[in-house]
Amino acid sequence: MTITNRTSFERVYRAQKDARTKERMLLVLNVGYYDKVAAHVAREIHKSKGWSSQWLKRYREKGPEGLQDKIRGGIHPKVSRQVE
């Protein structure tokens, strides 16, 4: 799902608490709604062109939810439950 209305996207952007997601939303806002070049926006926020391509692709595929970090499995603790 993409947000087609710029005003709605800006509202969601302002309400976003996670800094990394907000940075990705700023990319989408500038490229998708203000017609800026992705590489230029990436440079302005000190990111690579590849970074911008990756996040724009995820936005196109999954909408705003695609801009959030994926939940990853971690290494299981070596400490037993009793010790915890």
PDB file of N, CA and C in Angstrom:
ATOM      1  N   MET A   1       0.843  -1.181   0.000  1.00  0.00           N
ATOM      2  CA  MET A   1       0.000   0.000   0.000  1.00  0.00           C
ATOM      3  C   MET A   1       0.890   1.246   0.000  1.00  0.00           C
ATOM      4  N   THR A   2       0.707   2.122  -0.942  1.00  0.00           N
ATOM      5  CA  THR A   2       1.411   3.396  -0.948  1.00  0.00           C
ATOM      6  C   THR A   2       0.422   4.487  -0.580  1.00  0.00           C
ATOM      7  N   ILE A   3       0.938   5.544  -0.020  1.00  0.00           N
ATOM      8  CA  ILE A   3       0.100   6.695   0.327  1.00  0.00           C
ATOM      9  C   ILE A   3       0.190   7.647  -0.855  1.00  0.00           C
ATOM     10  N   THR A   4      -0.911   7.839  -1.550  1.00  0.00           N
ATOM     11  CA  THR A   4      -0.881   8.642  -2.769  1.00  0.00           C
ATOM     12  C   THR A   4      -1.011  10.132  -2.500  1.00  0.00           C
ATOM     13  N   ASN A   5      -1.531  10.507  -1.375  1.00  0.00           N
ATOM     14  CA  ASN A   5      -1.744  11.906  -1.045  1.00  0.00           C
ATOM     15  C   ASN A   5      -0.530  12.442  -0.281  1.00  0.00           C
ATOM     16  N   ARG A   6       0.103  13.478  -0.799  1.00  0.00           N
ATOM     17  CA  ARG A   6       1.291  14.046  -0.164  1.00  0.00           C
ATOM     18  C   ARG A   6       1.008  14.518   1.254  1.00  0.00           C
ATOM     19  N   THR A   7      -0.109  15.155   1.475  1.00  0.00           N
ATOM     20  CA  THR A   7      -0.455  15.664   2.803  1.00  0.00           C
ATOM     21  C   THR A   7      -0.578  14.525   3.804  1.00  0.00           C
ATOM     22  N   SER A   8      -1.179  13.431   3.399  1.00  0.00           N
ATOM     23  CA  SER A   8      -1.304  12.268   4.278  1.00  0.00           C
ATOM     24  C   SER A   8       0.073  11.686   4.600  1.00  0.00           C
ATOM     25  N   PHE A   9       0.925  11.597   3.583  1.00  0.00           N
ATOM     26  CA  PHE A   9       2.272  11.063   3.804  1.00  0.00           C
ATOM     27  C   PHE A   9       3.052  11.965   4.755  1.00  0.00           C
ATOM     28  N   GLU A  10       2.945  13.266   4.576  1.00  0.00           N
ATOM     29  CA  GLU A  10       3.635  14.202   5.473  1.00  0.00           C
ATOM     30  C   GLU A  10       3.145  14.055   6.905  1.00  0.00           C
ATOM     31  N   ARG A  11       1.858  13.820   7.079  1.00  0.00           N
ATOM     32  CA  ARG A  11       1.286  13.635   8.412  1.00  0.00           C
ATOM     33  C   ARG A  11       1.870  12.381   9.071  1.00  0.00           C
ATOM     34  N   VAL A  12       1.933  11.298   8.302  1.00  0.00           N
ATOM     35  CA  VAL A  12       2.500  10.043   8.812  1.00  0.00           C
ATOM     36  C   VAL A  12       3.990  10.243   9.106  1.00  0.00           C
ATOM     37  N   TYR A  13       4.689  10.968   8.241  1.00  0.00           N
ATOM     38  CA  TYR A  13       6.118  11.259   8.431  1.00  0.00           C
ATOM     39  C   TYR A  13       6.348  12.017   9.740  1.00  0.00           C
ATOM     40  N   ARG A  14       5.559  13.047   9.985  1.00  0.00           N
ATOM     41  CA  ARG A  14       5.737  13.847  11.208  1.00  0.00           C
ATOM     42  C   ARG A  14       5.444  13.051  12.472  1.00  0.00           C
ATOM     43  N   ALA A  15       4.534  12.088  12.376  1.00  0.00           N
ATOM     44  CA  ALA A  15       4.155  11.289  13.547  1.00  0.00           C
ATOM     45  C   ALA A  15       5.135  10.146  13.817  1.00  0.00           C
ATOM     46  N   GLN A  16       5.961   9.814  12.850  1.00  0.00           N
ATOM     47  CA  GLN A  16       6.893   8.696  12.992  1.00  0.00           C
ATOM     48  C   GLN A  16       7.915   8.974  14.097  1.00  0.00           C
ATOM     49  N   LYS A  17       8.105   8.009  14.988  1.00  0.00           N
ATOM     50  CA  LYS A  17       9.025   8.169  16.116  1.00  0.00           C
ATOM     51  C   LYS A  17      10.410   7.587  15.832  1.00  0.00           C
ATOM     52  N   ASP A  18      10.475   6.515  15.034  1.00  0.00           N
ATOM     53  CA  ASP A  18      11.749   5.855  14.756  1.00  0.00           C
ATOM     54  C   ASP A  18      12.571   6.686  13.774  1.00  0.00           C
ATOM     55  N   ALA A  19      13.775   7.076  14.179  1.00  0.00           N
ATOM     56  CA  ALA A  19      14.606   7.962  13.364  1.00  0.00           C
ATOM     57  C   ALA A  19      15.006   7.329  12.036  1.00  0.00           C
ATOM     58  N   ARG A  20      15.321   6.043  12.037  1.00  0.00           N
ATOM     59  CA  ARG A  20      15.746   5.383  10.800  1.00  0.00           C
ATOM     60  C   ARG A  20      14.589   5.297   9.802  1.00  0.00           C
ATOM     61  N   THR A  21      13.406   4.963  10.284  1.00  0.00           N
ATOM     62  CA  THR A  21      12.236   4.900   9.411  1.00  0.00           C
ATOM     63  C   THR A  21      11.905   6.297   8.897  1.00  0.00           C
ATOM     64  N   LYS A  22      12.035   7.282   9.758  1.00  0.00           N
ATOM     65  CA  LYS A  22      11.735   8.667   9.371  1.00  0.00           C
ATOM     66  C   LYS A  22      12.690   9.142   8.274  1.00  0.00           C
ATOM     67  N   GLU A  23      13.949   8.739   8.359  1.00  0.00           N
ATOM     68  CA  GLU A  23      14.944   9.091   7.349  1.00  0.00           C
ATOM     69  C   GLU A  23      14.552   8.486   5.993  1.00  0.00           C
ATOM     70  N   ARG A  24      14.083   7.258   6.011  1.00  0.00           N
ATOM     71  CA  ARG A  24      13.654   6.589   4.780  1.00  0.00           C
ATOM     72  C   ARG A  24      12.398   7.251   4.226  1.00  0.00           C
ATOM     73  N   MET A  25      11.508   7.661   5.113  1.00  0.00           N
ATOM     74  CA  MET A  25      10.293   8.352   4.675  1.00  0.00           C
ATOM     75  C   MET A  25      10.646   9.703   4.053  1.00  0.00           C
ATOM     76  N   LEU A  26      11.668  10.367   4.590  1.00  0.00           N
ATOM     77  CA  LEU A  26      12.120  11.635   4.028  1.00  0.00           C
ATOM     78  C   LEU A  26      12.595  11.423   2.592  1.00  0.00           C
ATOM     79  N   LEU A  27      13.293  10.328   2.354  1.00  0.00           N
ATOM     80  CA  LEU A  27      13.726   9.982   0.998  1.00  0.00           C
ATOM     81  C   LEU A  27      12.516   9.842   0.076  1.00  0.00           C
ATOM     82  N   VAL A  28      11.533   9.044   0.499  1.00  0.00           N
ATOM     83  CA  VAL A  28      10.339   8.816  -0.323  1.00  0.00           C
ATOM     84  C   VAL A  28       9.580  10.119  -0.549  1.00  0.00           C
ATOM     85  N   LEU A  29       9.464  10.919   0.475  1.00  0.00           N
ATOM     86  CA  LEU A  29       8.757  12.197   0.366  1.00  0.00           C
ATOM     87  C   LEU A  29       9.408  13.090  -0.684  1.00  0.00           C
ATOM     88  N   ASN A  30      10.726  13.211  -0.627  1.00  0.00           N
ATOM     89  CA  ASN A  30      11.435  14.080  -1.567  1.00  0.00           C
ATOM     90  C   ASN A  30      11.437  13.541  -2.991  1.00  0.00           C
ATOM     91  N   VAL A  31      11.601  12.244  -3.140  1.00  0.00           N
ATOM     92  CA  VAL A  31      11.658  11.657  -4.484  1.00  0.00           C
ATOM     93  C   VAL A  31      10.254  11.500  -5.067  1.00  0.00           C
ATOM     94  N   GLY A  32       9.356  10.955  -4.271  1.00  0.00           N
ATOM     95  CA  GLY A  32       8.028  10.635  -4.782  1.00  0.00           C
ATOM     96  C   GLY A  32       7.075  11.804  -4.886  1.00  0.00           C
ATOM     97  N   TYR A  33       7.200  12.753  -3.975  1.00  0.00           N
ATOM     98  CA  TYR A  33       6.217  13.847  -3.936  1.00  0.00           C
ATOM     99  C   TYR A  33       6.783  15.203  -4.353  1.00  0.00           C
ATOM    100  N   TYR A  34       8.104  15.370  -4.233  1.00  0.00           N
ATOM    101  CA  TYR A  34       8.701  16.646  -4.629  1.00  0.00           C
ATOM    102  C   TYR A  34       9.567  16.506  -5.879  1.00  0.00           C
ATOM    103  N   ASP A  35       9.538  15.318  -6.497  1.00  0.00           N
ATOM    104  CA  ASP A  35      10.234  15.051  -7.766  1.00  0.00           C
ATOM    105  C   ASP A  35      11.724  15.372  -7.746  1.00  0.00           C
ATOM    106  N   LYS A  36      12.378  15.118  -6.620  1.00  0.00           N
ATOM    107  CA  LYS A  36      13.828  15.286  -6.561  1.00  0.00           C
ATOM    108  C   LYS A  36      14.492  13.998  -7.023  1.00  0.00           C
ATOM    109  N   VAL A  37      15.740  14.099  -7.427  1.00  0.00           N
ATOM    110  CA  VAL A  37      16.511  12.948  -7.883  1.00  0.00           C
ATOM    111  C   VAL A  37      16.977  12.162  -6.661  1.00  0.00           C
ATOM    112  N   ALA A  38      16.775  10.838  -6.688  1.00  0.00           N
ATOM    113  CA  ALA A  38      17.086   9.985  -5.538  1.00  0.00           C
ATOM    114  C   ALA A  38      18.544  10.119  -5.099  1.00  0.00           C
ATOM    115  N   ALA A  39      19.465  10.146  -6.046  1.00  0.00           N
ATOM    116  CA  ALA A  39      20.888  10.257  -5.703  1.00  0.00           C
ATOM    117  C   ALA A  39      21.180  11.578  -4.997  1.00  0.00           C
ATOM    118  N   HIS A  40      20.511  12.642  -5.389  1.00  0.00           N
ATOM    119  CA  HIS A  40      20.730  13.945  -4.753  1.00  0.00           C
ATOM    120  C   HIS A  40      20.189  13.951  -3.325  1.00  0.00           C
ATOM    121  N   VAL A  41      19.017  13.366  -3.147  1.00  0.00           N
ATOM    122  CA  VAL A  41      18.422  13.293  -1.806  1.00  0.00           C
ATOM    123  C   VAL A  41      19.314  12.446  -0.910  1.00  0.00           C
ATOM    124  N   ALA A  42      19.797  11.313  -1.426  1.00  0.00           N
ATOM    125  CA  ALA A  42      20.678  10.441  -0.643  1.00  0.00           C
ATOM    126  C   ALA A  42      21.926  11.212  -0.199  1.00  0.00           C
ATOM    127  N   ARG A  43      22.486  11.971  -1.097  1.00  0.00           N
ATOM    128  CA  ARG A  43      23.683  12.748  -0.761  1.00  0.00           C
ATOM    129  C   ARG A  43      23.370  13.790   0.321  1.00  0.00           C
ATOM    130  N   GLU A  44      22.209  14.426   0.234  1.00  0.00           N
ATOM    131  CA  GLU A  44      21.820  15.441   1.217  1.00  0.00           C
ATOM    132  C   GLU A  44      21.691  14.857   2.624  1.00  0.00           C
ATOM    133  N   ILE A  45      21.268  13.590   2.714  1.00  0.00           N
ATOM    134  CA  ILE A  45      21.114  12.988   4.040  1.00  0.00           C
ATOM    135  C   ILE A  45      22.269  12.032   4.358  1.00  0.00           C
ATOM    136  N   HIS A  46      23.356  12.185   3.584  1.00  0.00           N
ATOM    137  CA  HIS A  46      24.600  11.455   3.828  1.00  0.00           C
ATOM    138  C   HIS A  46      24.440   9.945   3.724  1.00  0.00           C
ATOM    139  N   LYS A  47      23.753   9.514   2.668  1.00  0.00           N
ATOM    140  CA  LYS A  47      23.568   8.095   2.386  1.00  0.00           C
ATOM    141  C   LYS A  47      24.017   7.827   0.958  1.00  0.00           C
ATOM    142  N   SER A  48      24.175   6.552   0.625  1.00  0.00           N
ATOM    143  CA  SER A  48      24.632   6.188  -0.720  1.00  0.00           C
ATOM    144  C   SER A  48      23.460   6.090  -1.699  1.00  0.00           C
ATOM    145  N   LYS A  49      23.816   6.098  -2.975  1.00  0.00           N
ATOM    146  CA  LYS A  49      22.819   5.938  -4.034  1.00  0.00           C
ATOM    147  C   LYS A  49      22.177   4.551  -3.934  1.00  0.00           C
ATOM    148  N   GLY A  50      22.976   3.546  -3.593  1.00  0.00           N
ATOM    149  CA  GLY A  50      22.459   2.186  -3.427  1.00  0.00           C
ATOM    150  C   GLY A  50      21.462   2.097  -2.283  1.00  0.00           C
ATOM    151  N   TRP A  51      21.736   2.813  -1.202  1.00  0.00           N
ATOM    152  CA  TRP A  51      20.826   2.862  -0.061  1.00  0.00           C
ATOM    153  C   TRP A  51      19.475   3.404  -0.511  1.00  0.00           C
ATOM    154  N   SER A  52      19.507   4.489  -1.268  1.00  0.00           N
ATOM    155  CA  SER A  52      18.245   5.092  -1.715  1.00  0.00           C
ATOM    156  C   SER A  52      17.488   4.158  -2.654  1.00  0.00           C
ATOM    157  N   SER A  53      18.190   3.491  -3.540  1.00  0.00           N
ATOM    158  CA  SER A  53      17.534   2.558  -4.467  1.00  0.00           C
ATOM    159  C   SER A  53      16.862   1.424  -3.708  1.00  0.00           C
ATOM    160  N   GLN A  54      17.555   0.888  -2.717  1.00  0.00           N
ATOM    161  CA  GLN A  54      17.015  -0.213  -1.928  1.00  0.00           C
ATOM    162  C   GLN A  54      15.720   0.181  -1.232  1.00  0.00           C
ATOM    163  N   TRP A  55      15.721   1.338  -0.586  1.00  0.00           N
ATOM    164  CA  TRP A  55      14.539   1.745   0.177  1.00  0.00           C
ATOM    165  C   TRP A  55      13.399   2.197  -0.716  1.00  0.00           C
ATOM    166  N   LEU A  56      13.681   2.797  -1.842  1.00  0.00           N
ATOM    167  CA  LEU A  56      12.615   3.158  -2.779  1.00  0.00           C
ATOM    168  C   LEU A  56      11.962   1.897  -3.351  1.00  0.00           C
ATOM    169  N   LYS A  57      12.764   0.887  -3.633  1.00  0.00           N
ATOM    170  CA  LYS A  57      12.223  -0.381  -4.127  1.00  0.00           C
ATOM    171  C   LYS A  57      11.322  -1.022  -3.075  1.00  0.00           C
ATOM    172  N   ARG A  58      11.788  -1.047  -1.829  1.00  0.00           N
ATOM    173  CA  ARG A  58      10.968  -1.639  -0.767  1.00  0.00           C
ATOM    174  C   ARG A  58       9.676  -0.858  -0.574  1.00  0.00           C
ATOM    175  N   TYR A  59       9.721   0.460  -0.723  1.00  0.00           N
ATOM    176  CA  TYR A  59       8.500   1.261  -0.598  1.00  0.00           C
ATOM    177  C   TYR A  59       7.521   0.924  -1.722  1.00  0.00           C
ATOM    178  N   ARG A  60       8.036   0.810  -2.942  1.00  0.00           N
ATOM    179  CA  ARG A  60       7.166   0.466  -4.072  1.00  0.00           C
ATOM    180  C   ARG A  60       6.532  -0.909  -3.891  1.00  0.00           C
ATOM    181  N   GLU A  61       7.273  -1.850  -3.330  1.00  0.00           N
ATOM    182  CA  GLU A  61       6.769  -3.215  -3.156  1.00  0.00           C
ATOM    183  C   GLU A  61       5.832  -3.370  -1.971  1.00  0.00           C
ATOM    184  N   LYS A  62       6.146  -2.694  -0.849  1.00  0.00           N
ATOM    185  CA  LYS A  62       5.426  -2.952   0.396  1.00  0.00           C
ATOM    186  C   LYS A  62       4.769  -1.728   1.016  1.00  0.00           C
ATOM    187  N   GLY A  63       4.940  -0.578   0.402  1.00  0.00           N
ATOM    188  CA  GLY A  63       4.352   0.627   0.964  1.00  0.00           C
ATOM    189  C   GLY A  63       5.113   1.102   2.192  1.00  0.00           C
ATOM    190  N   PRO A  64       4.490   1.934   3.008  1.00  0.00           N
ATOM    191  CA  PRO A  64       5.166   2.495   4.177  1.00  0.00           C
ATOM    192  C   PRO A  64       5.712   1.434   5.138  1.00  0.00           C
ATOM    193  N   GLU A  65       5.050   0.280   5.199  1.00  0.00           N
ATOM    194  CA  GLU A  65       5.520  -0.787   6.074  1.00  0.00           C
ATOM    195  C   GLU A  65       6.894  -1.298   5.631  1.00  0.00           C
ATOM    196  N   GLY A  66       7.196  -1.193   4.356  1.00  0.00           N
ATOM    197  CA  GLY A  66       8.487  -1.635   3.833  1.00  0.00           C
ATOM    198  C   GLY A  66       9.645  -0.763   4.261  1.00  0.00           C
ATOM    199  N   LEU A  67       9.357   0.412   4.818  1.00  0.00           N
ATOM    200  CA  LEU A  67      10.414   1.323   5.259  1.00  0.00           C
ATOM    201  C   LEU A  67      10.889   1.030   6.675  1.00  0.00           C
ATOM    202  N   GLN A  68      10.217   0.126   7.339  1.00  0.00           N
ATOM    203  CA  GLN A  68      10.615  -0.234   8.697  1.00  0.00           C
ATOM    204  C   GLN A  68      11.650  -1.349   8.649  1.00  0.00           C
ATOM    205  N   ASP A  69      12.472  -1.423   9.686  1.00  0.00           N
ATOM    206  CA  ASP A  69      13.460  -2.488   9.779  1.00  0.00           C
ATOM    207  C   ASP A  69      12.761  -3.837   9.860  1.00  0.00           C
ATOM    208  N   LYS A  70      13.370  -4.832   9.241  1.00  0.00           N
ATOM    209  CA  LYS A  70      12.846  -6.188   9.335  1.00  0.00           C
ATOM    210  C   LYS A  70      13.206  -6.748  10.710  1.00  0.00           C
ATOM    211  N   ILE A  71      12.318  -7.551  11.243  1.00  0.00           N
ATOM    212  CA  ILE A  71      12.609  -8.217  12.503  1.00  0.00           C
ATOM    213  C   ILE A  71      13.507  -9.400  12.175  1.00  0.00           C
ATOM    214  N   ARG A  72      14.624  -9.445  12.842  1.00  0.00           N
ATOM    215  CA  ARG A  72      15.587 -10.501  12.565  1.00  0.00           C
ATOM    216  C   ARG A  72      15.752 -11.367  13.805  1.00  0.00           C
ATOM    217  N   GLY A  73      16.026 -12.602  13.545  1.00  0.00           N
ATOM    218  CA  GLY A  73      16.329 -13.503  14.650  1.00  0.00           C
ATOM    219  C   GLY A  73      17.752 -13.255  15.112  1.00  0.00           C
ATOM    220  N   GLY A  74      17.975 -13.396  16.373  1.00  0.00           N
ATOM    221  CA  GLY A  74      19.315 -13.177  16.888  1.00  0.00           C
ATOM    222  C   GLY A  74      19.902 -14.471  17.401  1.00  0.00           C
ATOM    223  N   ILE A  75      21.081 -14.377  17.918  1.00  0.00           N
ATOM    224  CA  ILE A  75      21.731 -15.530  18.524  1.00  0.00           C
ATOM    225  C   ILE A  75      21.072 -15.775  19.871  1.00  0.00           C
ATOM    226  N   HIS A  76      20.759 -17.025  20.125  1.00  0.00           N
ATOM    227  CA  HIS A  76      20.136 -17.363  21.401  1.00  0.00           C
ATOM    228  C   HIS A  76      21.161 -17.218  22.524  1.00  0.00           C
ATOM    229  N   PRO A  77      20.726 -16.726  23.665  1.00  0.00           N
ATOM    230  CA  PRO A  77      21.675 -16.544  24.770  1.00  0.00           C
ATOM    231  C   PRO A  77      22.236 -17.885  25.236  1.00  0.00           C
ATOM    232  N   LYS A  78      23.494 -17.859  25.696  1.00  0.00           N
ATOM    233  CA  LYS A  78      24.143 -19.073  26.170  1.00  0.00           C
ATOM    234  C   LYS A  78      23.875 -19.295  27.652  1.00  0.00           C
ATOM    235  N   VAL A  79      23.235 -18.354  28.280  1.00  0.00           N
ATOM    236  CA  VAL A  79      22.919 -18.458  29.696  1.00  0.00           C
ATOM    237  C   VAL A  79      21.595 -19.210  29.843  1.00  0.00           C
ATOM    238  N   SER A  80      21.551 -20.133  30.767  1.00  0.00           N
ATOM    239  CA  SER A  80      20.324 -20.899  30.946  1.00  0.00           C
ATOM    240  C   SER A  80      19.215 -20.016  31.531  1.00  0.00           C
ATOM    241  N   ARG A  81      17.984 -20.461  31.381  1.00  0.00           N
ATOM    242  CA  ARG A  81      16.830 -19.714  31.904  1.00  0.00           C
ATOM    243  C   ARG A  81      16.928 -19.544  33.413  1.00  0.00           C
ATOM    244  N   GLN A  82      17.446 -20.547  34.105  1.00  0.00           N
ATOM    245  CA  GLN A  82      17.548 -20.470  35.562  1.00  0.00           C
ATOM    246  C   GLN A  82      18.484 -19.338  35.994  1.00  0.00           C
ATOM    247  N   VAL A  83      19.590 -19.180  35.268  1.00  0.00           N
ATOM    248  CA  VAL A  83      20.559 -18.145  35.624  1.00  0.00           C
ATOM    249  C   VAL A  83      20.004 -16.761  35.332  1.00  0.00           C
ATOM    250  N   GLU A  84      19.217 -16.649  34.264  1.00  0.00           N
ATOM    251  CA  GLU A  84      18.613 -15.352  33.933  1.00  0.00           C
ATOM    252  C   GLU A  84      17.777 -14.888  35.079  1.00  0.00           C
TER     253      GLU A  84
END
